[in-house]
């Protein structure tokens, strides 16, 4: 039997941790390979870790063909849905997978629209033609369905819309080291999204400092985002206010102004601290 490893498919899902890989190896050695490996022709789609361990130890395994695949997108969507249903997948991983699915659905819809335009220009039926990656007109794939809303993506990932937004921010702006810290559970999604707003070098330095420094960086970022405090307005003085009341009123206003000035200075210190950390990291 010939089994081909497609590196894109193998790397599409996050690899097992060392503990997970060790547990899988123990299970296969003790019980054998109970679940069949999923193939698309001779290409391995599901079971890369099991295949590697079985090959290493000479463990017998079964294979099954998935005949529903027509394109690589079909394979990706199947892999995503398969992993979204697993309980061992973290919130961050589910969010990333659901966002990937949204992108695939969006690209399919774009291709369908492009196919319809090409068919109109060619005088053909839009429902019977689609544009391939090379620009040729070919038979269309399955209907991509309606576009995914943000709520649908969050629902598929089993996270809140706000958490999904934080995952998107991490995906777009986080340094690889910070992403690894989220995946390994060193920092929460919420805190990582805050740290991801820092320059890349500052993120890397925070990760290098460990959990405590990451938490401190997240705390500082959150504090700098807080709106400036509005000085409290002192109560209006009555026309017949005594000298003592007028002095209290003056002192209250002065205290409010000093409090606001201290708050602005505190924020400047935090910004300078972050900038200094970035500068030191670049030395």
Protein backbone atom coordinates (compact mmCIF):
# COMPACT_ATOMS: atom_id res chain seq x y z
CA UNK A 1 0.00 0.00 0.00
CA UNK A 2 1.33 3.41 -0.97
CA UNK A 3 0.56 6.26 1.44
CA UNK A 4 1.63 9.77 0.47
CA UNK A 5 2.26 12.45 3.10
CA UNK A 6 1.20 15.91 2.00
CA UNK A 7 3.19 18.34 4.18
CA UNK A 8 0.51 21.02 3.94
CA UNK A 9 -2.11 18.64 5.32
CA UNK A 10 0.26 17.28 7.95
CA UNK A 11 0.99 20.77 9.26
CA UNK A 12 -2.57 22.11 8.90
CA UNK A 13 -3.54 21.10 12.45
CA UNK A 14 -1.34 21.99 15.42
CA UNK A 15 1.01 19.13 16.34
CA UNK A 16 0.53 17.11 19.51
CA UNK A 17 2.31 18.22 22.64
CA UNK A 18 5.04 15.95 23.96
CA UNK A 19 2.68 14.59 26.62
CA UNK A 20 -0.09 13.95 24.07
CA UNK A 21 2.32 12.20 21.69
CA UNK A 22 3.64 10.00 24.52
CA UNK A 23 0.11 9.09 25.60
CA UNK A 24 -0.86 8.19 22.02
CA UNK A 25 2.23 6.00 21.64
CA UNK A 26 1.43 4.14 24.87
CA UNK A 27 -2.14 3.58 23.72
CA UNK A 28 -1.10 2.25 20.31
CA UNK A 29 1.48 -0.09 21.84
CA UNK A 30 -1.04 -1.42 24.35
CA UNK A 31 -4.21 -1.61 22.23
CA UNK A 32 -3.08 -1.39 18.61
CA UNK A 33 -4.41 1.08 16.06
CA UNK A 34 -8.18 0.83 16.47
CA UNK A 35 -9.22 3.76 14.26
CA UNK A 36 -8.63 3.57 10.51
CA UNK A 37 -6.45 6.16 8.81
CA UNK A 38 -8.42 8.35 6.40
CA UNK A 39 -7.11 8.60 2.83
CA UNK A 40 -7.96 10.64 -0.25
CA UNK A 41 -6.62 8.41 -2.95
CA UNK A 42 -3.13 7.66 -1.64
CA UNK A 43 -2.87 10.94 0.33
CA UNK A 44 -3.11 10.65 4.11
CA UNK A 45 -5.74 13.05 5.46
CA UNK A 46 -6.27 12.00 9.07
CA UNK A 47 -3.97 9.95 11.28
CA UNK A 48 -0.50 11.37 10.67
CA UNK A 49 0.62 10.78 14.27
CA UNK A 50 -0.82 7.26 14.35
CA UNK A 51 0.80 6.45 11.01
CA UNK A 52 4.21 7.63 12.20
CA UNK A 53 4.04 5.63 15.43
CA UNK A 54 2.70 2.52 13.70
CA UNK A 55 5.51 2.69 11.15
CA UNK A 56 8.06 3.14 13.91
CA UNK A 57 6.89 0.12 15.94
CA UNK A 58 5.53 -2.10 13.18
CA UNK A 59 1.94 -1.81 14.40
CA UNK A 60 -0.77 -2.94 11.94
CA UNK A 61 -3.38 -0.39 10.87
CA UNK A 62 -6.42 -0.11 8.60
CA UNK A 63 -7.25 2.61 6.07
CA UNK A 64 -10.51 3.98 4.73
CA UNK A 65 -11.16 6.10 1.65
CA UNK A 66 -13.22 9.28 1.92
CA UNK A 67 -14.90 9.50 -1.46
CA UNK A 68 -16.67 12.79 -0.72
CA UNK A 69 -13.55 14.90 -1.33
CA UNK A 70 -13.44 16.71 -4.67
CA UNK A 71 -10.97 19.52 -3.95
CA UNK A 72 -8.32 20.35 -1.38
CA UNK A 73 -10.78 22.78 0.19
CA UNK A 74 -13.09 19.82 0.87
CA UNK A 75 -10.22 18.13 2.68
CA UNK A 76 -9.43 21.21 4.74
CA UNK A 77 -13.08 21.69 5.74
CA UNK A 78 -13.36 18.04 6.74
CA UNK A 79 -10.21 18.30 8.86
CA UNK A 80 -11.49 21.47 10.52
CA UNK A 81 -14.90 20.00 11.35
CA UNK A 82 -13.25 16.82 12.60
CA UNK A 83 -11.03 18.71 15.05
CA UNK A 84 -13.69 21.21 16.12
CA UNK A 85 -15.66 18.26 17.47
CA UNK A 86 -12.85 17.01 19.67
CA UNK A 87 -12.98 17.85 23.36
CA UNK A 88 -9.19 18.01 23.73
CA UNK A 89 -8.91 21.05 21.44
CA UNK A 90 -8.39 24.33 23.31
CA UNK A 91 -10.52 27.45 22.90
CA UNK A 92 -7.67 29.18 21.06
CA UNK A 93 -7.22 26.27 18.64
CA UNK A 94 -10.97 26.06 17.99
CA UNK A 95 -11.07 29.77 17.30
CA UNK A 96 -8.22 29.52 14.78
CA UNK A 97 -9.88 26.55 13.06
CA UNK A 98 -13.27 28.27 12.86
CA UNK A 99 -11.64 31.38 11.37
CA UNK A 100 -9.92 29.19 8.77
CA UNK A 101 -13.27 27.68 7.86
CA UNK A 102 -14.75 31.16 7.46
CA UNK A 103 -11.91 32.06 5.07
CA UNK A 104 -12.44 28.94 2.98
CA UNK A 105 -16.18 29.58 2.73
CA UNK A 106 -15.50 33.19 1.74
CA UNK A 107 -13.00 32.14 -0.95
CA UNK A 108 -15.45 29.60 -2.34
CA UNK A 109 -18.13 32.25 -2.60
CA UNK A 110 -15.66 34.58 -4.34
CA UNK A 111 -14.79 31.86 -6.83
CA UNK A 112 -18.45 31.18 -7.45
CA UNK A 113 -19.06 34.86 -8.13
CA UNK A 114 -16.06 34.94 -10.46
CA UNK A 115 -17.37 31.84 -12.21
CA UNK A 116 -20.77 33.47 -12.73
CA UNK A 117 -19.15 36.53 -14.28
CA UNK A 118 -16.97 34.36 -16.54
CA UNK A 119 -19.99 32.32 -17.58
CA UNK A 120 -21.95 35.46 -18.41
CA UNK A 121 -19.12 36.72 -20.56
CA UNK A 122 -18.85 33.39 -22.34
CA UNK A 123 -22.59 33.18 -22.81
CA UNK A 124 -22.74 29.99 -20.72
CA UNK A 125 -24.85 29.07 -17.75
CA UNK A 126 -23.37 30.33 -14.48
CA UNK A 127 -24.66 27.28 -12.67
CA UNK A 128 -22.78 24.89 -14.96
CA UNK A 129 -19.35 26.51 -14.96
CA UNK A 130 -16.67 27.65 -12.55
CA UNK A 131 -13.26 29.19 -12.90
CA UNK A 132 -10.30 27.03 -11.96
CA UNK A 133 -7.11 28.38 -10.40
CA UNK A 134 -5.54 28.56 -13.88
CA UNK A 135 -8.44 30.60 -15.22
CA UNK A 136 -10.01 27.78 -17.26
CA UNK A 137 -13.74 27.14 -17.14
CA UNK A 138 -14.48 23.84 -15.42
CA UNK A 139 -17.26 22.06 -13.61
CA UNK A 140 -18.22 23.80 -10.36
CA UNK A 141 -17.65 22.33 -6.90
CA UNK A 142 -20.32 22.09 -4.23
CA UNK A 143 -22.29 25.17 -3.26
CA UNK A 144 -20.21 27.12 -0.70
CA UNK A 145 -23.32 28.14 1.18
CA UNK A 146 -24.02 31.53 2.78
CA UNK A 147 -21.18 33.61 4.27
CA UNK A 148 -20.44 33.02 7.92
CA UNK A 149 -21.40 35.75 10.35
CA UNK A 150 -19.20 36.54 13.33
CA UNK A 151 -21.73 34.89 15.62
CA UNK A 152 -21.66 31.69 13.55
CA UNK A 153 -17.88 31.54 13.67
CA UNK A 154 -17.91 32.04 17.44
CA UNK A 155 -20.60 29.39 17.80
CA UNK A 156 -18.57 26.90 15.77
CA UNK A 157 -15.55 27.59 17.97
CA UNK A 158 -17.70 27.42 21.13
CA UNK A 159 -16.36 30.77 22.34
CA UNK A 160 -17.91 34.21 22.83
CA UNK A 161 -17.76 36.87 20.12
CA UNK A 162 -15.40 38.94 22.28
CA UNK A 163 -13.06 35.98 22.75
CA UNK A 164 -13.15 35.36 19.01
CA UNK A 165 -12.13 38.99 18.45
CA UNK A 166 -9.19 38.51 20.82
CA UNK A 167 -8.14 35.36 18.94
CA UNK A 168 -8.27 37.31 15.65
CA UNK A 169 -6.05 40.00 17.14
CA UNK A 170 -3.54 37.42 18.36
CA UNK A 171 -3.59 35.76 14.95
CA UNK A 172 -2.86 39.06 13.17
CA UNK A 173 -0.44 40.90 15.47
CA UNK A 174 1.10 38.49 17.99
CA UNK A 175 4.73 37.44 17.71
CA UNK A 176 5.21 33.68 17.15
CA UNK A 177 6.62 33.37 20.67
CA UNK A 178 3.44 34.88 22.12
CA UNK A 179 1.26 32.56 20.03
CA UNK A 180 3.22 29.58 21.37
CA UNK A 181 2.69 30.87 24.92
CA UNK A 182 -1.09 30.96 24.35
CA UNK A 183 -1.10 27.47 22.85
CA UNK A 184 0.86 26.07 25.78
CA UNK A 185 -1.39 27.74 28.34
CA UNK A 186 1.29 30.04 29.76
CA UNK A 187 -0.96 33.05 29.15
CA UNK A 188 -4.71 33.38 28.68
CA UNK A 189 -6.35 34.51 25.45
CA UNK A 190 -7.51 37.72 27.11
CA UNK A 191 -4.06 38.63 28.41
CA UNK A 192 -2.33 37.60 25.18
CA UNK A 193 -4.63 39.89 23.16
CA UNK A 194 -3.51 42.79 25.35
CA UNK A 195 0.20 41.95 25.03
CA UNK A 196 -0.26 41.54 21.26
CA UNK A 197 -0.83 45.30 21.00
CA UNK A 198 2.81 45.88 21.99
CA UNK A 199 5.66 46.05 19.46
CA UNK A 200 6.92 42.60 18.46
CA UNK A 201 10.22 42.90 20.32
CA UNK A 202 8.42 43.90 23.52
CA UNK A 203 6.17 40.85 23.12
CA UNK A 204 9.17 38.55 22.71
CA UNK A 205 10.86 40.01 25.79
CA UNK A 206 7.69 39.60 27.86
CA UNK A 207 7.44 35.94 26.82
CA UNK A 208 11.10 35.41 27.71
CA UNK A 209 10.39 36.82 31.18
CA UNK A 210 7.85 34.08 31.87
CA UNK A 211 4.30 34.05 33.17
CA UNK A 212 4.80 36.82 35.72
CA UNK A 213 6.23 39.31 33.22
CA UNK A 214 3.52 38.46 30.69
CA UNK A 215 0.82 39.20 33.24
CA UNK A 216 2.49 42.47 34.18
CA UNK A 217 2.74 43.51 30.51
CA UNK A 218 -0.94 42.72 30.00
CA UNK A 219 -1.86 44.71 33.12
CA UNK A 220 0.09 47.74 31.97
CA UNK A 221 -1.49 47.67 28.53
CA UNK A 222 -4.98 47.47 30.03
CA UNK A 223 -4.27 50.40 32.34
CA UNK A 224 -3.06 52.61 29.49
CA UNK A 225 -6.32 51.94 27.69
CA UNK A 226 -8.45 53.18 30.58
CA UNK A 227 -10.04 56.56 29.87
CA UNK A 228 -8.62 59.52 31.72
CA UNK A 229 -10.36 60.24 34.96
CA UNK A 230 -12.63 63.25 34.87
CA UNK A 231 -11.98 65.49 37.85
CA UNK A 232 -15.03 65.45 40.11
CA UNK A 233 -16.97 68.67 40.08
CA UNK A 234 -17.29 70.29 43.48
CA UNK A 235 -20.75 71.20 44.64
CA UNK A 236 -21.84 74.72 43.78
CA UNK A 237 -21.32 77.17 46.54
CA UNK A 238 -24.31 78.99 47.89
CA UNK A 239 -24.26 82.75 47.59
CA UNK A 240 -23.98 83.09 51.34
CA UNK A 241 -21.11 80.58 51.65
CA UNK A 242 -18.78 81.10 54.56
CA UNK A 243 -15.05 81.64 54.17
CA UNK A 244 -14.50 78.11 55.43
CA UNK A 245 -16.81 76.64 52.76
CA UNK A 246 -15.06 78.66 50.04
CA UNK A 247 -11.66 77.36 51.17
CA UNK A 248 -12.91 73.75 51.15
CA UNK A 249 -14.27 74.30 47.65
CA UNK A 250 -10.91 75.69 46.44
CA UNK A 251 -8.95 72.82 47.98
CA UNK A 252 -11.32 70.21 46.51
CA UNK A 253 -10.82 71.60 43.02
CA UNK A 254 -7.05 71.71 43.50
CA UNK A 255 -7.01 68.09 44.68
CA UNK A 256 -9.03 66.99 41.65
CA UNK A 257 -6.59 68.73 39.31
CA UNK A 258 -3.58 67.17 41.05
CA UNK A 259 -5.19 63.71 40.90
CA UNK A 260 -5.72 64.04 37.16
CA UNK A 261 -2.12 65.21 36.67
CA UNK A 262 -0.81 62.23 38.64
CA UNK A 263 -2.89 59.88 36.47
CA UNK A 264 -1.44 61.35 33.28
CA UNK A 265 2.10 61.07 34.68
CA UNK A 266 1.47 57.44 35.63
CA UNK A 267 0.43 56.63 32.07
CA UNK A 268 3.53 58.36 30.68
CA UNK A 269 5.73 56.27 32.97
CA UNK A 270 4.04 53.10 31.74
CA UNK A 271 4.58 54.06 28.10
CA UNK A 272 8.24 54.86 28.80
CA UNK A 273 8.67 51.54 30.61
CA UNK A 274 7.31 49.63 27.61
CA UNK A 275 9.51 51.64 25.22
CA UNK A 276 12.56 50.97 27.41
CA UNK A 277 11.82 47.25 27.45
CA UNK A 278 11.62 47.31 23.66
CA UNK A 279 14.92 49.21 23.37
CA UNK A 280 16.69 46.80 25.68
CA UNK A 281 15.35 43.84 23.73
CA UNK A 282 16.85 45.27 20.53
CA UNK A 283 20.36 45.65 22.03
